[in-house]
């Protein structure tokens, strides 16, 4: 059988054409598949972005539960992590009965100064800084069941109480004490501005009830503990001195320290009349305690427990030179006859109504000569 070259050539050409068509079809199918995959990926990414954006938008909206519009405008441009962090902190403070909005105004607060290690990534929030309509200038949460004292007052008052507790917990650790000192300095500076802004010119008495009763008691208790710790005092369950300081007047001095420290804080922060009343009572009771101690030492004629002076001038010179230390019991000749007995406490406590020299009682001229 003869070989037909023409037929072979035609058949080969058809096969090549078919192979090219098949390859073209395969390439087209691959291209379609790639396009489909790319479209699916694009749609998936878009859906994810939309989902993340929805989460981000809801988080930004959630900011209005805890923060003012001005604060929200400050938070949002910081980015997605900052928004998530602020919402988380807002929820935390709200559950504690405190105002996140007020905390945001505090120096070195943990909302604006966040720890990014504890936050998560969310959608793009850079363009969603608008506050929902109708919020006004207050946070959304403030529109419900207003109480006295307000959350903002509770925040500052609670923060003050907590600072004193931190100082107690710091003990004698200089590094911890330094941290508390810095916090306290910043707190008093900021709290003073906040409360002065609230006081109106036609309300010279200022805020009448700044602390809740429990906060006021905690504030006094913590300050009293600090004053006693400073003097290394140990106090029993009935309020009596125990240990090496038993039989001294340091408890009365610690009460004066409590009164003056509370007075200084109240002058700066709250100017609350109820606390001023408590401070006056503390100072008055401290004077009674010191007077009783002075009289007991004189009546016992314990010569090692007091210093005697022939004139008030000599006594004041001794005080100025340090020969009459603060807390010392004195006996000074009275120009009208006899002797005055009392306690020298210095000028530190004048703002709580306590003079430098607490004259407790008089004794006649022959008292120290009598058997």
Protein backbone atom coordinates (compact mmCIF):
# COMPACT_ATOMS: atom_id res chain seq x y z
CA UNK A 1 0.00 0.00 0.00
CA UNK A 2 1.44 3.31 -1.02
CA UNK A 3 2.06 6.20 1.42
CA UNK A 4 -0.19 9.23 0.77
CA UNK A 5 1.93 12.23 1.81
CA UNK A 6 -0.83 14.70 1.11
CA UNK A 7 -3.30 12.86 3.32
CA UNK A 8 -0.69 12.54 6.08
CA UNK A 9 0.05 16.24 5.91
CA UNK A 10 -3.63 17.11 6.14
CA UNK A 11 -4.13 14.75 9.10
CA UNK A 12 -1.10 16.10 10.94
CA UNK A 13 -2.26 19.66 10.40
CA UNK A 14 -5.70 18.78 11.81
CA UNK A 15 -4.10 17.16 14.88
CA UNK A 16 -1.87 20.14 15.51
CA UNK A 17 -4.84 22.45 15.16
CA UNK A 18 -6.88 20.32 17.56
CA UNK A 19 -4.01 20.23 20.08
CA UNK A 20 -3.69 23.99 19.86
CA UNK A 21 -7.43 24.38 20.34
CA UNK A 22 -7.35 21.99 23.32
CA UNK A 23 -4.43 23.93 24.87
CA UNK A 24 -6.21 27.21 24.25
CA UNK A 25 -9.34 25.82 25.88
CA UNK A 26 -7.28 24.58 28.84
CA UNK A 27 -5.61 27.97 29.22
CA UNK A 28 -8.97 29.71 29.02
CA UNK A 29 -10.36 27.35 31.68
CA UNK A 30 -7.34 28.07 33.91
CA UNK A 31 -7.75 31.78 33.35
CA UNK A 32 -11.44 31.52 34.20
CA UNK A 33 -10.60 29.52 37.33
CA UNK A 34 -7.95 32.05 38.39
CA UNK A 35 -10.36 34.89 37.75
CA UNK A 36 -13.03 33.08 39.73
CA UNK A 37 -10.61 32.41 42.60
CA UNK A 38 -9.43 36.04 42.56
CA UNK A 39 -13.05 37.22 42.56
CA UNK A 40 -13.87 34.90 45.44
CA UNK A 41 -10.83 36.07 47.37
CA UNK A 42 -11.70 39.68 46.64
CA UNK A 43 -15.27 39.12 47.76
CA UNK A 44 -14.07 37.29 50.86
CA UNK A 45 -11.67 40.10 51.72
CA UNK A 46 -14.38 42.65 51.09
CA UNK A 47 -16.80 40.71 53.29
CA UNK A 48 -14.13 40.48 55.99
CA UNK A 49 -13.40 44.20 55.72
CA UNK A 50 -17.10 44.97 55.89
CA UNK A 51 -17.47 42.67 58.87
CA UNK A 52 -14.47 44.26 60.60
CA UNK A 53 -15.74 47.71 59.69
CA UNK A 54 -19.13 46.85 61.17
CA UNK A 55 -17.38 45.77 64.37
CA UNK A 56 -15.30 48.96 64.30
CA UNK A 57 -18.37 51.15 63.72
CA UNK A 58 -20.16 49.47 66.60
CA UNK A 59 -17.14 49.98 68.84
CA UNK A 60 -16.98 53.66 67.93
CA UNK A 61 -20.68 53.91 68.67
CA UNK A 62 -20.03 52.12 71.95
CA UNK A 63 -17.60 54.88 72.92
CA UNK A 64 -20.61 57.17 73.36
CA UNK A 65 -21.72 55.01 76.29
CA UNK A 66 -18.67 56.06 78.26
CA UNK A 67 -17.10 59.20 76.77
CA UNK A 68 -18.04 62.72 75.70
CA UNK A 69 -18.00 63.71 72.00
CA UNK A 70 -14.77 65.64 72.50
CA UNK A 71 -13.12 62.61 74.06
CA UNK A 72 -14.38 60.36 71.25
CA UNK A 73 -12.88 62.73 68.68
CA UNK A 74 -9.60 62.42 70.56
CA UNK A 75 -9.74 58.62 70.82
CA UNK A 76 -10.81 57.66 67.28
CA UNK A 77 -7.87 59.12 65.32
CA UNK A 78 -5.54 57.02 67.49
CA UNK A 79 -6.67 53.99 65.50
CA UNK A 80 -8.51 50.72 65.80
CA UNK A 81 -6.58 49.31 68.73
CA UNK A 82 -7.10 52.48 70.76
CA UNK A 83 -10.86 52.35 70.18
CA UNK A 84 -11.12 48.71 71.27
CA UNK A 85 -8.99 49.49 74.32
CA UNK A 86 -11.07 52.54 75.26
CA UNK A 87 -14.33 50.60 74.99
CA UNK A 88 -12.89 47.81 77.14
CA UNK A 89 -11.75 50.29 79.79
CA UNK A 90 -15.02 52.16 79.61
CA UNK A 91 -16.91 48.94 80.36
CA UNK A 92 -14.48 48.14 83.20
CA UNK A 93 -14.94 51.50 84.94
CA UNK A 94 -18.70 51.49 84.39
CA UNK A 95 -18.98 48.08 86.08
CA UNK A 96 -17.02 49.52 89.01
CA UNK A 97 -19.52 52.36 89.35
CA UNK A 98 -16.96 54.86 88.08
CA UNK A 99 -16.99 57.28 85.15
CA UNK A 100 -14.60 56.42 82.32
CA UNK A 101 -15.13 59.94 81.01
CA UNK A 102 -13.73 61.38 84.25
CA UNK A 103 -10.91 58.87 84.35
CA UNK A 104 -9.95 59.97 80.82
CA UNK A 105 -9.21 63.45 82.19
CA UNK A 106 -6.80 62.07 84.81
CA UNK A 107 -3.06 62.39 84.15
CA UNK A 108 -1.35 59.19 83.00
CA UNK A 109 -4.73 57.46 82.77
CA UNK A 110 -4.90 53.89 81.51
CA UNK A 111 -7.34 54.70 78.70
CA UNK A 112 -5.32 57.15 76.62
CA UNK A 113 -2.07 55.53 77.78
CA UNK A 114 -2.90 52.01 76.79
CA UNK A 115 -0.98 48.77 76.97
CA UNK A 116 -1.18 47.52 73.36
CA UNK A 117 -0.15 44.03 74.43
CA UNK A 118 -3.61 43.51 75.91
CA UNK A 119 -5.63 44.85 72.96
CA UNK A 120 -6.85 43.27 69.73
CA UNK A 121 -6.96 44.33 66.10
CA UNK A 122 -10.27 45.55 64.61
CA UNK A 123 -11.47 47.34 61.50
CA UNK A 124 -10.51 50.74 60.14
CA UNK A 125 -11.92 53.46 62.38
CA UNK A 126 -10.08 56.49 61.08
CA UNK A 127 -13.09 57.74 59.16
CA UNK A 128 -15.81 57.05 61.72
CA UNK A 129 -15.25 59.80 64.26
CA UNK A 130 -18.83 61.04 64.17
CA UNK A 131 -20.80 60.78 67.41
CA UNK A 132 -24.35 59.43 67.11
CA UNK A 133 -26.89 62.24 66.91
CA UNK A 134 -28.65 63.30 70.07
CA UNK A 135 -25.74 62.65 72.40
CA UNK A 136 -25.22 66.33 73.17
CA UNK A 137 -22.18 67.07 75.33
CA UNK A 138 -22.74 64.26 77.83
CA UNK A 139 -21.90 60.60 77.61
CA UNK A 140 -24.84 58.34 76.82
CA UNK A 141 -24.63 56.57 80.16
CA UNK A 142 -25.08 59.87 82.01
CA UNK A 143 -28.63 60.12 80.61
CA UNK A 144 -29.87 57.32 82.83
CA UNK A 145 -30.86 57.42 86.53
CA UNK A 146 -28.71 60.31 87.77
CA UNK A 147 -27.76 59.85 91.43
CA UNK A 148 -25.94 61.89 94.05
CA UNK A 149 -23.05 61.85 94.36
CA UNK A 150 -22.66 61.55 90.61
CA UNK A 151 -20.44 58.98 88.93
CA UNK A 152 -17.87 61.69 88.26
CA UNK A 153 -17.74 62.61 91.92
CA UNK A 154 -17.49 58.93 92.80
CA UNK A 155 -14.59 58.53 90.42
CA UNK A 156 -12.48 61.28 91.94
CA UNK A 157 -13.45 60.40 95.49
CA UNK A 158 -12.78 56.69 94.92
CA UNK A 159 -9.51 57.52 93.24
CA UNK A 160 -8.46 59.57 96.27
CA UNK A 161 -9.33 56.77 98.69
CA UNK A 162 -7.48 54.27 96.51
CA UNK A 163 -4.37 56.47 96.47
CA UNK A 164 -4.25 56.45 100.25
CA UNK A 165 -4.62 52.67 100.23
CA UNK A 166 -1.74 52.46 97.74
CA UNK A 167 0.39 54.53 100.11
CA UNK A 168 -0.42 52.16 102.97
CA UNK A 169 0.42 49.16 100.80
CA UNK A 170 3.71 50.77 99.72
CA UNK A 171 4.96 50.50 103.29
CA UNK A 172 8.58 51.67 103.45
CA UNK A 173 9.51 50.73 99.88
CA UNK A 174 11.03 53.96 98.45
CA UNK A 175 10.32 53.04 94.83
CA UNK A 176 6.64 52.31 95.51
CA UNK A 177 6.35 55.45 97.63
CA UNK A 178 7.84 57.52 94.79
CA UNK A 179 5.24 56.13 92.38
CA UNK A 180 2.41 57.02 94.79
CA UNK A 181 3.90 60.49 95.32
CA UNK A 182 3.83 61.13 91.58
CA UNK A 183 0.27 59.86 91.20
CA UNK A 184 -0.88 61.93 94.17
CA UNK A 185 0.76 65.10 92.88
CA UNK A 186 -0.88 64.69 89.48
CA UNK A 187 -4.20 63.74 91.04
CA UNK A 188 -4.45 66.78 93.29
CA UNK A 189 -3.49 69.13 90.48
CA UNK A 190 -6.12 67.67 88.14
CA UNK A 191 -8.85 67.17 90.74
CA UNK A 192 -8.55 70.76 91.87
CA UNK A 193 -9.10 72.03 88.33
CA UNK A 194 -12.08 69.74 87.80
CA UNK A 195 -13.84 70.73 91.01
CA UNK A 196 -13.07 74.44 90.74
CA UNK A 197 -14.69 74.35 87.30
CA UNK A 198 -17.86 72.87 88.80
CA UNK A 199 -18.21 75.54 91.49
CA UNK A 200 -20.26 78.47 90.30
CA UNK A 201 -19.70 82.07 91.42
CA UNK A 202 -23.18 82.20 92.97
CA UNK A 203 -22.47 79.07 95.03
CA UNK A 204 -19.65 80.11 97.39
CA UNK A 205 -20.14 77.07 99.58
CA UNK A 206 -19.17 74.80 96.70
CA UNK A 207 -19.97 71.11 96.66
CA UNK A 208 -21.90 70.11 99.77
CA UNK A 209 -21.74 66.34 99.42
CA UNK A 210 -18.70 65.24 97.51
CA UNK A 211 -18.01 61.87 99.18
CA UNK A 212 -20.49 59.14 99.93
CA UNK A 213 -20.60 58.25 103.67
CA UNK A 214 -18.57 55.09 103.09
CA UNK A 215 -15.98 56.95 101.00
CA UNK A 216 -15.64 59.59 103.71
CA UNK A 217 -15.10 56.93 106.37
CA UNK A 218 -12.56 55.10 104.19
CA UNK A 219 -10.72 58.34 103.49
CA UNK A 220 -10.44 59.10 107.22
CA UNK A 221 -9.53 55.51 108.10
CA UNK A 222 -6.78 55.33 105.47
CA UNK A 223 -5.33 58.71 106.40
CA UNK A 224 -5.37 57.73 110.07
CA UNK A 225 -3.53 54.49 109.25
CA UNK A 226 -0.89 56.42 107.32
CA UNK A 227 -0.42 58.89 110.21
CA UNK A 228 -0.02 56.05 112.71
CA UNK A 229 2.33 54.12 110.46
CA UNK A 230 4.49 57.22 110.09
CA UNK A 231 4.94 57.28 113.87
CA UNK A 232 5.45 53.49 113.99
CA UNK A 233 2.39 53.06 116.19
CA UNK A 234 0.67 49.77 116.91
CA UNK A 235 -2.97 50.09 117.95
CA UNK A 236 -5.09 47.41 119.58
CA UNK A 237 -8.64 46.38 118.69
CA UNK A 238 -10.05 48.91 121.16
CA UNK A 239 -7.98 51.78 119.75
CA UNK A 240 -5.35 51.63 122.51
CA UNK A 241 -1.61 51.91 121.96
CA UNK A 242 0.34 48.69 122.30
CA UNK A 243 4.02 47.80 122.19
CA UNK A 244 6.95 50.08 122.87
CA UNK A 245 4.92 53.30 122.41
CA UNK A 246 2.40 52.43 125.09
CA UNK A 247 2.21 55.27 127.59
CA UNK A 248 3.16 58.09 125.19
CA UNK A 249 1.08 60.84 123.58
CA UNK A 250 1.96 59.78 120.02
CA UNK A 251 -1.58 58.58 119.39
CA UNK A 252 -2.87 62.12 119.98
CA UNK A 253 -0.16 63.50 117.69
CA UNK A 254 -1.10 60.98 115.00
CA UNK A 255 -4.70 62.20 115.22
CA UNK A 256 -3.53 65.78 114.69
CA UNK A 257 -1.54 64.60 111.66
CA UNK A 258 -4.68 62.88 110.37
CA UNK A 259 -6.70 66.05 110.77
CA UNK A 260 -4.22 68.37 109.03
CA UNK A 261 -3.63 66.00 106.11
CA UNK A 262 -7.36 65.61 105.55
CA UNK A 263 -7.76 69.38 105.80
CA UNK A 264 -5.07 69.97 103.17
CA UNK A 265 -6.64 67.43 100.82
CA UNK A 266 -10.15 68.77 101.28
CA UNK A 267 -8.94 72.32 100.60
CA UNK A 268 -7.55 71.15 97.26
CA UNK A 269 -10.11 68.60 96.08
CA UNK A 270 -13.64 68.72 97.43
CA UNK A 271 -14.03 71.58 99.92
CA UNK A 272 -16.78 69.43 101.37
CA UNK A 273 -18.43 70.80 104.50
CA UNK A 274 -19.21 67.34 105.89
CA UNK A 275 -15.54 66.38 105.78
CA UNK A 276 -14.53 69.69 107.35
CA UNK A 277 -16.88 68.83 110.18
CA UNK A 278 -15.23 65.44 110.63
CA UNK A 279 -11.80 67.08 110.60
CA UNK A 280 -12.79 69.52 113.35
CA UNK A 281 -14.05 66.62 115.46
CA UNK A 282 -10.80 64.68 114.94
CA UNK A 283 -8.70 67.72 115.93
CA UNK A 284 -10.88 68.39 118.98
CA UNK A 285 -10.64 64.79 120.17
CA UNK A 286 -6.87 64.85 119.60
CA UNK A 287 -6.59 67.93 121.85
CA UNK A 288 -8.61 66.20 124.56
CA UNK A 289 -6.30 63.18 124.33
CA UNK A 290 -3.14 65.31 124.53
CA UNK A 291 -4.51 67.39 127.40
CA UNK A 292 -5.41 64.27 129.37
CA UNK A 293 -1.95 62.83 128.81
CA UNK A 294 -0.25 66.06 129.94
CA UNK A 295 -2.35 66.25 133.10
CA UNK A 296 -1.69 62.61 133.94
CA UNK A 297 2.08 63.12 133.71
CA UNK A 298 2.02 66.27 135.84
CA UNK A 299 -0.29 64.78 138.46
CA UNK A 300 2.01 61.77 138.66
CA UNK A 301 4.91 64.21 139.17
CA UNK A 302 6.92 62.25 136.62
CA UNK A 303 9.82 64.68 136.23
CA UNK A 304 11.22 62.78 133.24
CA UNK A 305 7.94 63.28 131.34
CA UNK A 306 7.84 67.10 131.22
CA UNK A 307 10.00 70.23 130.95
CA UNK A 308 9.60 73.17 133.33
CA UNK A 309 10.15 76.84 132.42
CA UNK A 310 10.16 79.97 134.56
CA UNK A 311 8.58 82.08 131.82
CA UNK A 312 6.70 81.80 128.54
CA UNK A 313 9.59 83.59 126.81
CA UNK A 314 12.07 80.95 127.92
CA UNK A 315 9.68 78.19 126.81
CA UNK A 316 9.29 79.70 123.32
CA UNK A 317 13.06 80.13 122.99
CA UNK A 318 13.47 76.46 123.85
CA UNK A 319 10.87 75.51 121.24
CA UNK A 320 12.61 77.62 118.58
CA UNK A 321 15.98 76.01 119.33
CA UNK A 322 14.65 72.46 119.36
CA UNK A 323 15.19 72.02 123.10
CA UNK A 324 11.43 71.60 123.45
CA UNK A 325 10.54 69.00 120.77
CA UNK A 326 7.08 68.79 119.25
CA UNK A 327 4.86 66.62 121.40
CA UNK A 328 6.63 67.61 124.64
CA UNK A 329 4.68 68.20 127.85
CA UNK A 330 5.57 71.54 129.48
CA UNK A 331 5.11 73.35 132.77
CA UNK A 332 5.47 77.14 132.61
CA UNK A 333 5.13 79.73 135.36
CA UNK A 334 1.88 81.68 135.07
CA UNK A 335 2.28 85.44 135.58
CA UNK A 336 -0.96 85.40 137.56
CA UNK A 337 0.43 82.73 139.88
CA UNK A 338 0.84 78.98 139.77
CA UNK A 339 1.78 77.01 136.66
CA UNK A 340 0.26 76.19 133.28
CA UNK A 341 0.65 72.63 132.07
CA UNK A 342 0.15 71.49 128.50
CA UNK A 343 1.63 70.12 125.27
CA UNK A 344 3.75 71.84 122.63
CA UNK A 345 2.63 70.78 119.12
CA UNK A 346 4.17 73.47 116.92
CA UNK A 347 2.46 75.63 114.30
CA UNK A 348 1.63 72.81 111.86
CA UNK A 349 -1.96 72.37 113.00
CA UNK A 350 -3.18 75.97 113.13
CA UNK A 351 -5.42 75.41 110.08
CA UNK A 352 -7.45 72.87 112.06
CA UNK A 353 -7.80 75.23 115.02
CA UNK A 354 -4.92 73.87 117.12
CA UNK A 355 -2.49 76.46 118.57
CA UNK A 356 1.19 75.76 119.10
CA UNK A 357 0.81 75.49 122.87
CA UNK A 358 -2.09 73.46 124.28
CA UNK A 359 -2.69 74.71 127.79
CA UNK A 360 -4.42 71.83 129.52
CA UNK A 361 -4.77 73.00 133.14
CA UNK A 362 -3.45 75.17 135.98
CA UNK A 363 -1.82 74.01 139.20
CA UNK A 364 -1.05 76.20 142.20
CA UNK A 365 2.42 77.49 143.02
CA UNK A 366 2.97 74.92 145.75
CA UNK A 367 1.98 71.90 143.67
CA UNK A 368 5.51 70.80 142.84
CA UNK A 369 6.71 71.37 146.41
CA UNK A 370 3.97 69.29 148.02
CA UNK A 371 4.76 65.81 149.19
